[in-house]
């Protein structure tokens, strides 16, 4: 846990959030500034700033982030289409520097994003 990290504080339940999934490795909660009808953040409990900071030892954990996002999408009936996004770095729109996956659904998306 990083002492000053917002998401670490959510994981430790020091800051309230609408949790939708928890297990020993991951937690997921609804984004407080949703960009779609469904906007969930899936986070590892292990703190690292971004995908760029991930190491080969994190491979299974990062895969699990994607599988949990797919599970949550199925539970919310998003199969007609949903998007999963990792923002890495400030230029990509990352504002909280704790690795997290955005699960977005419930509306049409366009390409290219951004």
PDB file of N, CA and C in Angstrom:
ATOM      1  N   UNK A   1       0.846  -1.188   0.000  1.00  0.00           N
ATOM      2  CA  UNK A   1       0.000   0.000   0.000  1.00  0.00           C
ATOM      3  C   UNK A   1       0.882   1.239   0.000  1.00  0.00           C
ATOM      4  N   UNK A   2       0.502   2.179  -0.823  1.00  0.00           N
ATOM      5  CA  UNK A   2       1.167   3.465  -0.843  1.00  0.00           C
ATOM      6  C   UNK A   2       0.367   4.424   0.039  1.00  0.00           C
ATOM      7  N   UNK A   3       1.023   5.040   0.961  1.00  0.00           N
ATOM      8  CA  UNK A   3       0.373   5.852   1.985  1.00  0.00           C
ATOM      9  C   UNK A   3      -0.491   6.987   1.435  1.00  0.00           C
ATOM     10  N   UNK A   4      -0.077   7.604   0.341  1.00  0.00           N
ATOM     11  CA  UNK A   4      -0.792   8.758  -0.193  1.00  0.00           C
ATOM     12  C   UNK A   4      -1.666   8.437  -1.401  1.00  0.00           C
ATOM     13  N   UNK A   5      -1.850   7.167  -1.709  1.00  0.00           N
ATOM     14  CA  UNK A   5      -2.583   6.764  -2.909  1.00  0.00           C
ATOM     15  C   UNK A   5      -4.083   6.651  -2.624  1.00  0.00           C
ATOM     16  N   UNK A   6      -4.879   7.364  -3.403  1.00  0.00           N
ATOM     17  CA  UNK A   6      -6.328   7.339  -3.260  1.00  0.00           C
ATOM     18  C   UNK A   6      -6.880   5.915  -3.385  1.00  0.00           C
ATOM     19  N   UNK A   7      -6.426   5.168  -4.390  1.00  0.00           N
ATOM     20  CA  UNK A   7      -6.968   3.830  -4.606  1.00  0.00           C
ATOM     21  C   UNK A   7      -6.511   2.855  -3.529  1.00  0.00           C
ATOM     22  N   UNK A   8      -5.308   3.017  -3.006  1.00  0.00           N
ATOM     23  CA  UNK A   8      -4.877   2.182  -1.876  1.00  0.00           C
ATOM     24  C   UNK A   8      -5.763   2.453  -0.664  1.00  0.00           C
ATOM     25  N   UNK A   9      -6.155   3.707  -0.479  1.00  0.00           N
ATOM     26  CA  UNK A   9      -7.037   4.047   0.639  1.00  0.00           C
ATOM     27  C   UNK A   9      -8.437   3.463   0.436  1.00  0.00           C
ATOM     28  N   UNK A  10      -8.901   3.412  -0.808  1.00  0.00           N
ATOM     29  CA  UNK A  10     -10.189   2.765  -1.093  1.00  0.00           C
ATOM     30  C   UNK A  10     -10.074   1.268  -0.804  1.00  0.00           C
ATOM     31  N   UNK A  11      -8.984   0.652  -1.230  1.00  0.00           N
ATOM     32  CA  UNK A  11      -8.782  -0.788  -0.982  1.00  0.00           C
ATOM     33  C   UNK A  11      -8.770  -1.092   0.511  1.00  0.00           C
ATOM     34  N   UNK A  12      -8.195  -0.189   1.298  1.00  0.00           N
ATOM     35  CA  UNK A  12      -8.114  -0.369   2.757  1.00  0.00           C
ATOM     36  C   UNK A  12      -9.390   0.084   3.463  1.00  0.00           C
ATOM     37  N   UNK A  13     -10.368   0.560   2.674  1.00  0.00           N
ATOM     38  CA  UNK A  13     -11.650   1.044   3.197  1.00  0.00           C
ATOM     39  C   UNK A  13     -11.496   2.252   4.120  1.00  0.00           C
ATOM     40  N   UNK A  14     -10.464   3.043   3.849  1.00  0.00           N
ATOM     41  CA  UNK A  14     -10.271   4.309   4.556  1.00  0.00           C
ATOM     42  C   UNK A  14     -11.060   5.430   3.888  1.00  0.00           C
ATOM     43  N   UNK A  15     -11.404   5.211   2.613  1.00  0.00           N
ATOM     44  CA  UNK A  15     -12.213   6.139   1.831  1.00  0.00           C
ATOM     45  C   UNK A  15     -13.372   5.336   1.260  1.00  0.00           C
ATOM     46  N   UNK A  16     -14.606   5.827   1.375  1.00  0.00           N
ATOM     47  CA  UNK A  16     -15.740   5.056   0.863  1.00  0.00           C
ATOM     48  C   UNK A  16     -15.778   5.034  -0.660  1.00  0.00           C
ATOM     49  N   UNK A  17     -16.276   3.929  -1.186  1.00  0.00           N
ATOM     50  CA  UNK A  17     -16.498   3.770  -2.620  1.00  0.00           C
ATOM     51  C   UNK A  17     -17.576   2.711  -2.784  1.00  0.00           C
ATOM     52  N   UNK A  18     -18.243   2.731  -3.921  1.00  0.00           N
ATOM     53  CA  UNK A  18     -19.266   1.717  -4.199  1.00  0.00           C
ATOM     54  C   UNK A  18     -18.576   0.504  -4.818  1.00  0.00           C
ATOM     55  N   UNK A  19     -18.114  -0.391  -3.939  1.00  0.00           N
ATOM     56  CA  UNK A  19     -17.409  -1.595  -4.381  1.00  0.00           C
ATOM     57  C   UNK A  19     -18.377  -2.544  -5.057  1.00  0.00           C
ATOM     58  N   UNK A  20     -17.933  -3.124  -6.173  1.00  0.00           N
ATOM     59  CA  UNK A  20     -18.753  -4.092  -6.903  1.00  0.00           C
ATOM     60  C   UNK A  20     -18.069  -5.446  -7.001  1.00  0.00           C
ATOM     61  N   UNK A  21     -16.798  -5.513  -6.575  1.00  0.00           N
ATOM     62  CA  UNK A  21     -16.040  -6.769  -6.586  1.00  0.00           C
ATOM     63  C   UNK A  21     -14.871  -6.624  -5.634  1.00  0.00           C
ATOM     64  N   UNK A  22     -14.587  -7.720  -4.923  1.00  0.00           N
ATOM     65  CA  UNK A  22     -13.399  -7.785  -4.064  1.00  0.00           C
ATOM     66  C   UNK A  22     -12.942  -9.224  -3.976  1.00  0.00           C
ATOM     67  N   UNK A  23     -11.654  -9.423  -4.002  1.00  0.00           N
ATOM     68  CA  UNK A  23     -11.045 -10.695  -3.639  1.00  0.00           C
ATOM     69  C   UNK A  23      -9.657 -10.366  -3.081  1.00  0.00           C
ATOM     70  N   UNK A  24      -8.854 -11.337  -2.716  1.00  0.00           N
ATOM     71  CA  UNK A  24      -7.549 -11.008  -2.117  1.00  0.00           C
ATOM     72  C   UNK A  24      -6.602 -10.232  -3.036  1.00  0.00           C
ATOM     73  N   UNK A  25      -6.800 -10.329  -4.353  1.00  0.00           N
ATOM     74  CA  UNK A  25      -5.891  -9.692  -5.302  1.00  0.00           C
ATOM     75  C   UNK A  25      -6.390  -8.375  -5.868  1.00  0.00           C
ATOM     76  N   UNK A  26      -7.712  -8.265  -6.034  1.00  0.00           N
ATOM     77  CA  UNK A  26      -8.298  -7.148  -6.778  1.00  0.00           C
ATOM     78  C   UNK A  26      -9.494  -6.555  -6.047  1.00  0.00           C
ATOM     79  N   UNK A  27      -9.843  -5.350  -6.435  1.00  0.00           N
ATOM     80  CA  UNK A  27     -11.094  -4.732  -6.018  1.00  0.00           C
ATOM     81  C   UNK A  27     -11.595  -3.902  -7.193  1.00  0.00           C
ATOM     82  N   UNK A  28     -12.896  -3.707  -7.254  1.00  0.00           N
ATOM     83  CA  UNK A  28     -13.487  -2.921  -8.331  1.00  0.00           C
ATOM     84  C   UNK A  28     -14.592  -2.054  -7.742  1.00  0.00           C
ATOM     85  N   UNK A  29     -14.710  -0.859  -8.287  1.00  0.00           N
ATOM     86  CA  UNK A  29     -15.704   0.077  -7.786  1.00  0.00           C
ATOM     87  C   UNK A  29     -16.186   0.976  -8.915  1.00  0.00           C
ATOM     88  N   UNK A  30     -17.355   1.574  -8.691  1.00  0.00           N
ATOM     89  CA  UNK A  30     -17.925   2.472  -9.687  1.00  0.00           C
ATOM     90  C   UNK A  30     -17.182   3.804  -9.680  1.00  0.00           C
ATOM     91  N   UNK A  31     -16.861   4.285 -10.875  1.00  0.00           N
ATOM     92  CA  UNK A  31     -16.177   5.564 -11.029  1.00  0.00           C
ATOM     93  C   UNK A  31     -17.095   6.699 -10.567  1.00  0.00           C
ATOM     94  N   UNK A  32     -16.557   7.663  -9.830  1.00  0.00           N
ATOM     95  CA  UNK A  32     -17.387   8.770  -9.342  1.00  0.00           C
ATOM     96  C   UNK A  32     -17.645   9.824 -10.428  1.00  0.00           C
ATOM     97  N   UNK A  33     -16.926   9.742 -11.549  1.00  0.00           N
ATOM     98  CA  UNK A  33     -17.159  10.619 -12.697  1.00  0.00           C
ATOM     99  C   UNK A  33     -17.348   9.749 -13.931  1.00  0.00           C
ATOM    100  N   UNK A  34     -18.460   9.010 -14.002  1.00  0.00           N
ATOM    101  CA  UNK A  34     -18.626   8.032 -15.083  1.00  0.00           C
ATOM    102  C   UNK A  34     -18.663   8.670 -16.467  1.00  0.00           C
ATOM    103  N   UNK A  35     -18.023   7.978 -17.396  1.00  0.00           N
ATOM    104  CA  UNK A  35     -17.994   8.407 -18.791  1.00  0.00           C
ATOM    105  C   UNK A  35     -18.931   7.569 -19.653  1.00  0.00           C
ATOM    106  N   UNK A  36     -19.678   6.672 -19.018  1.00  0.00           N
ATOM    107  CA  UNK A  36     -20.656   5.812 -19.688  1.00  0.00           C
ATOM    108  C   UNK A  36     -21.632   5.347 -18.614  1.00  0.00           C
ATOM    109  N   UNK A  37     -22.796   4.820 -19.013  1.00  0.00           N
ATOM    110  CA  UNK A  37     -23.736   4.328 -18.005  1.00  0.00           C
ATOM    111  C   UNK A  37     -23.114   3.309 -17.040  1.00  0.00           C
ATOM    112  N   UNK A  38     -22.243   2.450 -17.552  1.00  0.00           N
ATOM    113  CA  UNK A  38     -21.435   1.586 -16.689  1.00  0.00           C
ATOM    114  C   UNK A  38     -19.994   2.056 -16.806  1.00  0.00           C
ATOM    115  N   UNK A  39     -19.400   2.416 -15.682  1.00  0.00           N
ATOM    116  CA  UNK A  39     -17.981   2.818 -15.650  1.00  0.00           C
ATOM    117  C   UNK A  39     -17.419   2.328 -14.327  1.00  0.00           C
ATOM    118  N   UNK A  40     -16.709   1.223 -14.416  1.00  0.00           N
ATOM    119  CA  UNK A  40     -16.141   0.556 -13.245  1.00  0.00           C
ATOM    120  C   UNK A  40     -14.620   0.573 -13.363  1.00  0.00           C
ATOM    121  N   UNK A  41     -13.950   0.797 -12.244  1.00  0.00           N
ATOM    122  CA  UNK A  41     -12.496   0.730 -12.189  1.00  0.00           C
ATOM    123  C   UNK A  41     -12.117  -0.574 -11.497  1.00  0.00           C
ATOM    124  N   UNK A  42     -11.280  -1.360 -12.158  1.00  0.00           N
ATOM    125  CA  UNK A  42     -10.793  -2.631 -11.609  1.00  0.00           C
ATOM    126  C   UNK A  42      -9.324  -2.427 -11.276  1.00  0.00           C
ATOM    127  N   UNK A  43      -8.959  -2.678 -10.010  1.00  0.00           N
ATOM    128  CA  UNK A  43      -7.625  -2.339  -9.513  1.00  0.00           C
ATOM    129  C   UNK A  43      -6.982  -3.516  -8.793  1.00  0.00           C
ATOM    130  N   UNK A  44      -5.676  -3.653  -8.936  1.00  0.00           N
ATOM    131  CA  UNK A  44      -4.978  -4.613  -8.080  1.00  0.00           C
ATOM    132  C   UNK A  44      -4.797  -4.012  -6.685  1.00  0.00           C
ATOM    133  N   UNK A  45      -4.768  -4.854  -5.683  1.00  0.00           N
ATOM    134  CA  UNK A  45      -4.464  -4.358  -4.335  1.00  0.00           C
ATOM    135  C   UNK A  45      -2.994  -3.948  -4.257  1.00  0.00           C
ATOM    136  N   UNK A  46      -2.154  -4.658  -4.987  1.00  0.00           N
ATOM    137  CA  UNK A  46      -0.733  -4.301  -5.048  1.00  0.00           C
ATOM    138  C   UNK A  46      -0.623  -2.934  -5.720  1.00  0.00           C
ATOM    139  N   UNK A  47       0.143  -2.059  -5.102  1.00  0.00           N
ATOM    140  CA  UNK A  47       0.302  -0.725  -5.673  1.00  0.00           C
ATOM    141  C   UNK A  47       1.445  -0.710  -6.680  1.00  0.00           C
ATOM    142  N   UNK A  48       1.142  -0.306  -7.890  1.00  0.00           N
ATOM    143  CA  UNK A  48       2.154   0.180  -8.820  1.00  0.00           C
ATOM    144  C   UNK A  48       1.509   1.254  -9.663  1.00  0.00           C
ATOM    145  N   UNK A  49       2.286   2.226 -10.055  1.00  0.00           N
ATOM    146  CA  UNK A  49       1.758   3.470 -10.607  1.00  0.00           C
ATOM    147  C   UNK A  49       0.978   3.295 -11.904  1.00  0.00           C
ATOM    148  N   UNK A  50       1.435   2.413 -12.779  1.00  0.00           N
ATOM    149  CA  UNK A  50       0.790   2.285 -14.086  1.00  0.00           C
ATOM    150  C   UNK A  50       1.206   0.972 -14.718  1.00  0.00           C
ATOM    151  N   UNK A  51       0.652   0.709 -15.870  1.00  0.00           N
ATOM    152  CA  UNK A  51       1.033  -0.492 -16.617  1.00  0.00           C
ATOM    153  C   UNK A  51       2.520  -0.461 -16.952  1.00  0.00           C
ATOM    154  N   UNK A  52       3.058   0.724 -17.142  1.00  0.00           N
ATOM    155  CA  UNK A  52       4.477   0.881 -17.453  1.00  0.00           C
ATOM    156  C   UNK A  52       5.375   0.377 -16.319  1.00  0.00           C
ATOM    157  N   UNK A  53       4.857   0.374 -15.100  1.00  0.00           N
ATOM    158  CA  UNK A  53       5.632  -0.080 -13.939  1.00  0.00           C
ATOM    159  C   UNK A  53       5.490  -1.573 -13.683  1.00  0.00           C
ATOM    160  N   UNK A  54       4.630  -2.248 -14.435  1.00  0.00           N
ATOM    161  CA  UNK A  54       4.423  -3.686 -14.237  1.00  0.00           C
ATOM    162  C   UNK A  54       5.675  -4.467 -14.622  1.00  0.00           C
ATOM    163  N   UNK A  55       5.853  -5.570 -13.937  1.00  0.00           N
ATOM    164  CA  UNK A  55       6.999  -6.449 -14.165  1.00  0.00           C
ATOM    165  C   UNK A  55       6.494  -7.807 -14.648  1.00  0.00           C
ATOM    166  N   UNK A  56       7.387  -8.649 -15.184  1.00  0.00           N
ATOM    167  CA  UNK A  56       6.956  -9.987 -15.611  1.00  0.00           C
ATOM    168  C   UNK A  56       6.237 -10.770 -14.502  1.00  0.00           C
ATOM    169  N   UNK A  57       6.608 -10.561 -13.260  1.00  0.00           N
ATOM    170  CA  UNK A  57       5.945 -11.257 -12.146  1.00  0.00           C
ATOM    171  C   UNK A  57       4.487 -10.829 -11.987  1.00  0.00           C
ATOM    172  N   UNK A  58       4.083  -9.718 -12.600  1.00  0.00           N
ATOM    173  CA  UNK A  58       2.707  -9.212 -12.507  1.00  0.00           C
ATOM    174  C   UNK A  58       1.803  -9.739 -13.617  1.00  0.00           C
ATOM    175  N   UNK A  59       2.323 -10.606 -14.454  1.00  0.00           N
ATOM    176  CA  UNK A  59       1.575 -11.087 -15.620  1.00  0.00           C
ATOM    177  C   UNK A  59       0.220 -11.686 -15.236  1.00  0.00           C
ATOM    178  N   UNK A  60       0.181 -12.580 -14.271  1.00  0.00           N
ATOM    179  CA  UNK A  60      -1.083 -13.220 -13.885  1.00  0.00           C
ATOM    180  C   UNK A  60      -2.058 -12.198 -13.307  1.00  0.00           C
ATOM    181  N   UNK A  61      -1.564 -11.269 -12.534  1.00  0.00           N
ATOM    182  CA  UNK A  61      -2.423 -10.248 -11.926  1.00  0.00           C
ATOM    183  C   UNK A  61      -3.057  -9.365 -12.996  1.00  0.00           C
ATOM    184  N   UNK A  62      -2.295  -8.977 -13.991  1.00  0.00           N
ATOM    185  CA  UNK A  62      -2.825  -8.134 -15.062  1.00  0.00           C
ATOM    186  C   UNK A  62      -3.843  -8.913 -15.896  1.00  0.00           C
ATOM    187  N   UNK A  63      -3.571 -10.185 -16.134  1.00  0.00           N
ATOM    188  CA  UNK A  63      -4.551 -11.027 -16.814  1.00  0.00           C
ATOM    189  C   UNK A  63      -5.835 -11.141 -16.018  1.00  0.00           C
ATOM    190  N   UNK A  64      -5.703 -11.258 -14.703  1.00  0.00           N
ATOM    191  CA  UNK A  64      -6.877 -11.359 -13.846  1.00  0.00           C
ATOM    192  C   UNK A  64      -7.710 -10.077 -13.894  1.00  0.00           C
ATOM    193  N   UNK A  65      -7.075  -8.917 -14.015  1.00  0.00           N
ATOM    194  CA  UNK A  65      -7.819  -7.655 -14.165  1.00  0.00           C
ATOM    195  C   UNK A  65      -8.770  -7.743 -15.360  1.00  0.00           C
ATOM    196  N   UNK A  66      -8.266  -8.264 -16.469  1.00  0.00           N
ATOM    197  CA  UNK A  66      -9.085  -8.374 -17.678  1.00  0.00           C
ATOM    198  C   UNK A  66     -10.204  -9.389 -17.504  1.00  0.00           C
ATOM    199  N   UNK A  67      -9.912 -10.515 -16.869  1.00  0.00           N
ATOM    200  CA  UNK A  67     -10.938 -11.537 -16.662  1.00  0.00           C
ATOM    201  C   UNK A  67     -12.032 -11.052 -15.717  1.00  0.00           C
ATOM    202  N   UNK A  68     -11.673 -10.323 -14.689  1.00  0.00           N
ATOM    203  CA  UNK A  68     -12.683  -9.769 -13.776  1.00  0.00           C
ATOM    204  C   UNK A  68     -13.511  -8.721 -14.508  1.00  0.00           C
ATOM    205  N   UNK A  69     -12.895  -7.911 -15.346  1.00  0.00           N
ATOM    206  CA  UNK A  69     -13.656  -6.934 -16.133  1.00  0.00           C
ATOM    207  C   UNK A  69     -14.672  -7.648 -17.023  1.00  0.00           C
ATOM    208  N   UNK A  70     -14.272  -8.744 -17.657  1.00  0.00           N
ATOM    209  CA  UNK A  70     -15.203  -9.511 -18.500  1.00  0.00           C
ATOM    210  C   UNK A  70     -16.341 -10.098 -17.665  1.00  0.00           C
ATOM    211  N   UNK A  71     -16.023 -10.587 -16.477  1.00  0.00           N
ATOM    212  CA  UNK A  71     -17.047 -11.127 -15.571  1.00  0.00           C
ATOM    213  C   UNK A  71     -18.051 -10.038 -15.192  1.00  0.00           C
ATOM    214  N   UNK A  72     -17.549  -8.864 -14.827  1.00  0.00           N
ATOM    215  CA  UNK A  72     -18.424  -7.757 -14.469  1.00  0.00           C
ATOM    216  C   UNK A  72     -19.277  -7.317 -15.667  1.00  0.00           C
ATOM    217  N   UNK A  73     -18.703  -7.332 -16.863  1.00  0.00           N
ATOM    218  CA  UNK A  73     -19.458  -6.983 -18.068  1.00  0.00           C
ATOM    219  C   UNK A  73     -20.593  -7.983 -18.301  1.00  0.00           C
ATOM    220  N   UNK A  74     -20.314  -9.261 -18.106  1.00  0.00           N
ATOM    221  CA  UNK A  74     -21.380 -10.262 -18.255  1.00  0.00           C
ATOM    222  C   UNK A  74     -22.475 -10.049 -17.220  1.00  0.00           C
ATOM    223  N   UNK A  75     -22.077  -9.796 -15.977  1.00  0.00           N
ATOM    224  CA  UNK A  75     -23.056  -9.582 -14.899  1.00  0.00           C
ATOM    225  C   UNK A  75     -23.949  -8.379 -15.184  1.00  0.00           C
ATOM    226  N   UNK A  76     -23.432  -7.395 -15.900  1.00  0.00           N
ATOM    227  CA  UNK A  76     -24.191  -6.181 -16.200  1.00  0.00           C
ATOM    228  C   UNK A  76     -24.780  -6.196 -17.607  1.00  0.00           C
ATOM    229  N   UNK A  77     -24.703  -7.363 -18.257  1.00  0.00           N
ATOM    230  CA  UNK A  77     -25.296  -7.566 -19.587  1.00  0.00           C
ATOM    231  C   UNK A  77     -24.763  -6.575 -20.617  1.00  0.00           C
ATOM    232  N   UNK A  78     -23.456  -6.404 -20.619  1.00  0.00           N
ATOM    233  CA  UNK A  78     -22.816  -5.471 -21.558  1.00  0.00           C
ATOM    234  C   UNK A  78     -22.316  -6.163 -22.824  1.00  0.00           C
ATOM    235  N   UNK A  79     -22.648  -7.434 -23.040  1.00  0.00           N
ATOM    236  CA  UNK A  79     -22.127  -8.182 -24.175  1.00  0.00           C
ATOM    237  C   UNK A  79     -22.375  -7.539 -25.538  1.00  0.00           C
ATOM    238  N   UNK A  80     -23.399  -6.707 -25.726  1.00  0.00           N
ATOM    239  CA  UNK A  80     -23.485  -6.065 -27.041  1.00  0.00           C
ATOM    240  C   UNK A  80     -22.242  -5.232 -27.367  1.00  0.00           C
ATOM    241  N   UNK A  81     -21.488  -4.841 -26.348  1.00  0.00           N
ATOM    242  CA  UNK A  81     -20.257  -4.101 -26.578  1.00  0.00           C
ATOM    243  C   UNK A  81     -19.834  -3.318 -25.358  1.00  0.00           C
ATOM    244  N   UNK A  82     -18.579  -3.440 -25.031  1.00  0.00           N
ATOM    245  CA  UNK A  82     -18.010  -2.672 -23.922  1.00  0.00           C
ATOM    246  C   UNK A  82     -16.548  -2.420 -24.234  1.00  0.00           C
ATOM    247  N   UNK A  83     -15.975  -1.515 -23.490  1.00  0.00           N
ATOM    248  CA  UNK A  83     -14.582  -1.145 -23.715  1.00  0.00           C
ATOM    249  C   UNK A  83     -13.806  -1.321 -22.423  1.00  0.00           C
ATOM    250  N   UNK A  84     -12.570  -1.808 -22.538  1.00  0.00           N
ATOM    251  CA  UNK A  84     -11.634  -1.867 -21.421  1.00  0.00           C
ATOM    252  C   UNK A  84     -10.438  -1.008 -21.787  1.00  0.00           C
ATOM    253  N   UNK A  85     -10.002  -0.189 -20.821  1.00  0.00           N
ATOM    254  CA  UNK A  85      -8.955   0.795 -21.112  1.00  0.00           C
ATOM    255  C   UNK A  85      -7.986   0.890 -19.939  1.00  0.00           C
ATOM    256  N   UNK A  86      -6.698   0.850 -20.247  1.00  0.00           N
ATOM    257  CA  UNK A  86      -5.648   1.241 -19.314  1.00  0.00           C
ATOM    258  C   UNK A  86      -5.114   2.578 -19.809  1.00  0.00           C
ATOM    259  N   UNK A  87      -5.201   3.629 -19.005  1.00  0.00           N
ATOM    260  CA  UNK A  87      -4.536   4.890 -19.315  1.00  0.00           C
ATOM    261  C   UNK A  87      -3.182   4.845 -18.615  1.00  0.00           C
ATOM    262  N   UNK A  88      -2.128   5.074 -19.371  1.00  0.00           N
ATOM    263  CA  UNK A  88      -0.780   4.988 -18.818  1.00  0.00           C
ATOM    264  C   UNK A  88      -0.067   6.315 -19.011  1.00  0.00           C
ATOM    265  N   UNK A  89       0.049   7.060 -17.919  1.00  0.00           N
ATOM    266  CA  UNK A  89       0.724   8.345 -17.950  1.00  0.00           C
ATOM    267  C   UNK A  89      -0.252   9.499 -18.127  1.00  0.00           C
ATOM    268  N   UNK A  90       0.194  10.662 -17.704  1.00  0.00           N
ATOM    269  CA  UNK A  90      -0.651  11.859 -17.737  1.00  0.00           C
ATOM    270  C   UNK A  90      -1.099  12.215 -19.154  1.00  0.00           C
ATOM    271  N   UNK A  91      -0.233  12.038 -20.154  1.00  0.00           N
ATOM    272  CA  UNK A  91      -0.605  12.379 -21.523  1.00  0.00           C
ATOM    273  C   UNK A  91      -1.702  11.475 -22.061  1.00  0.00           C
ATOM    274  N   UNK A  92      -1.869  10.297 -21.474  1.00  0.00           N
ATOM    275  CA  UNK A  92      -2.929   9.376 -21.878  1.00  0.00           C
ATOM    276  C   UNK A  92      -4.202   9.575 -21.054  1.00  0.00           C
ATOM    277  N   UNK A  93      -4.173  10.488 -20.100  1.00  0.00           N
ATOM    278  CA  UNK A  93      -5.347  10.770 -19.291  1.00  0.00           C
ATOM    279  C   UNK A  93      -5.345  10.125 -17.920  1.00  0.00           C
ATOM    280  N   UNK A  94      -4.246   9.476 -17.536  1.00  0.00           N
ATOM    281  CA  UNK A  94      -4.190   8.876 -16.200  1.00  0.00           C
ATOM    282  C   UNK A  94      -4.110   9.988 -15.165  1.00  0.00           C
ATOM    283  N   UNK A  95      -5.042   9.956 -14.195  1.00  0.00           N
ATOM    284  CA  UNK A  95      -5.048  10.988 -13.162  1.00  0.00           C
ATOM    285  C   UNK A  95      -4.785  10.432 -11.764  1.00  0.00           C
ATOM    286  N   UNK A  96      -5.000   9.133 -11.580  1.00  0.00           N
ATOM    287  CA  UNK A  96      -4.653   8.471 -10.324  1.00  0.00           C
ATOM    288  C   UNK A  96      -3.566   7.455 -10.660  1.00  0.00           C
ATOM    289  N   UNK A  97      -2.427   7.589 -10.019  1.00  0.00           N
ATOM    290  CA  UNK A  97      -1.270   6.770 -10.376  1.00  0.00           C
ATOM    291  C   UNK A  97      -1.185   5.520  -9.512  1.00  0.00           C
ATOM    292  N   UNK A  98      -2.221   4.683  -9.719  1.00  0.00           N
ATOM    293  CA  UNK A  98      -2.322   3.321  -9.200  1.00  0.00           C
ATOM    294  C   UNK A  98      -2.942   2.563 -10.369  1.00  0.00           C
ATOM    295  N   UNK A  99      -2.279   1.532 -10.853  1.00  0.00           N
ATOM    296  CA  UNK A  99      -2.775   0.813 -12.018  1.00  0.00           C
ATOM    297  C   UNK A  99      -4.259   0.514 -11.859  1.00  0.00           C
ATOM    298  N   UNK A 100      -5.040   0.802 -12.893  1.00  0.00           N
ATOM    299  CA  UNK A 100      -6.459   0.467 -12.886  1.00  0.00           C
ATOM    300  C   UNK A 100      -6.959   0.331 -14.316  1.00  0.00           C
ATOM    301  N   UNK A 101      -7.931  -0.539 -14.457  1.00  0.00           N
ATOM    302  CA  UNK A 101      -8.564  -0.815 -15.739  1.00  0.00           C
ATOM    303  C   UNK A 101      -9.956  -0.206 -15.723  1.00  0.00           C
ATOM    304  N   UNK A 102     -10.276   0.578 -16.739  1.00  0.00           N
ATOM    305  CA  UNK A 102     -11.615   1.127 -16.884  1.00  0.00           C
ATOM    306  C   UNK A 102     -12.472   0.127 -17.662  1.00  0.00           C
ATOM    307  N   UNK A 103     -13.626  -0.213 -17.131  1.00  0.00           N
ATOM    308  CA  UNK A 103     -14.635  -0.986 -17.838  1.00  0.00           C
ATOM    309  C   UNK A 103     -15.784  -0.028 -18.127  1.00  0.00           C
ATOM    310  N   UNK A 104     -16.035   0.202 -19.407  1.00  0.00           N
ATOM    311  CA  UNK A 104     -17.065   1.147 -19.833  1.00  0.00           C
ATOM    312  C   UNK A 104     -18.068   0.432 -20.722  1.00  0.00           C
ATOM    313  N   UNK A 105     -19.349   0.691 -20.506  1.00  0.00           N
ATOM    314  CA  UNK A 105     -20.378   0.076 -21.340  1.00  0.00           C
ATOM    315  C   UNK A 105     -21.707   0.775 -21.179  1.00  0.00           C
ATOM    316  N   UNK A 106     -22.664   0.323 -21.987  1.00  0.00           N
ATOM    317  CA  UNK A 106     -24.013   0.853 -21.892  1.00  0.00           C
ATOM    318  C   UNK A 106     -24.307   1.982 -22.869  1.00  0.00           C
ATOM    319  N   UNK A 107     -23.373   2.255 -23.762  1.00  0.00           N
ATOM    320  CA  UNK A 107     -23.594   3.256 -24.810  1.00  0.00           C
ATOM    321  C   UNK A 107     -22.671   2.922 -25.979  1.00  0.00           C
ATOM    322  N   UNK A 108     -22.961   3.455 -27.170  1.00  0.00           N
ATOM    323  CA  UNK A 108     -22.061   3.228 -28.307  1.00  0.00           C
ATOM    324  C   UNK A 108     -20.727   3.956 -28.111  1.00  0.00           C
ATOM    325  N   UNK A 109     -19.671   3.353 -28.593  1.00  0.00           N
ATOM    326  CA  UNK A 109     -18.347   3.964 -28.580  1.00  0.00           C
ATOM    327  C   UNK A 109     -17.880   4.156 -30.013  1.00  0.00           C
ATOM    328  N   UNK A 110     -16.984   5.091 -30.196  1.00  0.00           N
ATOM    329  CA  UNK A 110     -16.492   5.405 -31.536  1.00  0.00           C
ATOM    330  C   UNK A 110     -15.001   5.129 -31.613  1.00  0.00           C
ATOM    331  N   UNK A 111     -14.508   4.997 -32.852  1.00  0.00           N
ATOM    332  CA  UNK A 111     -13.091   4.771 -33.079  1.00  0.00           C
ATOM    333  C   UNK A 111     -12.608   5.821 -34.051  1.00  0.00           C
ATOM    334  N   UNK A 112     -11.500   6.416 -33.850  1.00  0.00           N
ATOM    335  CA  UNK A 112     -10.588   6.181 -32.737  1.00  0.00           C
ATOM    336  C   UNK A 112     -11.088   6.846 -31.450  1.00  0.00           C
ATOM    337  N   UNK A 113     -10.680   6.301 -30.298  1.00  0.00           N
ATOM    338  CA  UNK A 113     -11.083   6.902 -29.021  1.00  0.00           C
ATOM    339  C   UNK A 113     -10.321   8.203 -28.787  1.00  0.00           C
ATOM    340  N   UNK A 114     -10.795   8.964 -27.810  1.00  0.00           N
ATOM    341  CA  UNK A 114     -10.103  10.190 -27.413  1.00  0.00           C
ATOM    342  C   UNK A 114     -10.437  11.296 -28.304  1.00  0.00           C
TER     343      UNK A 114
END
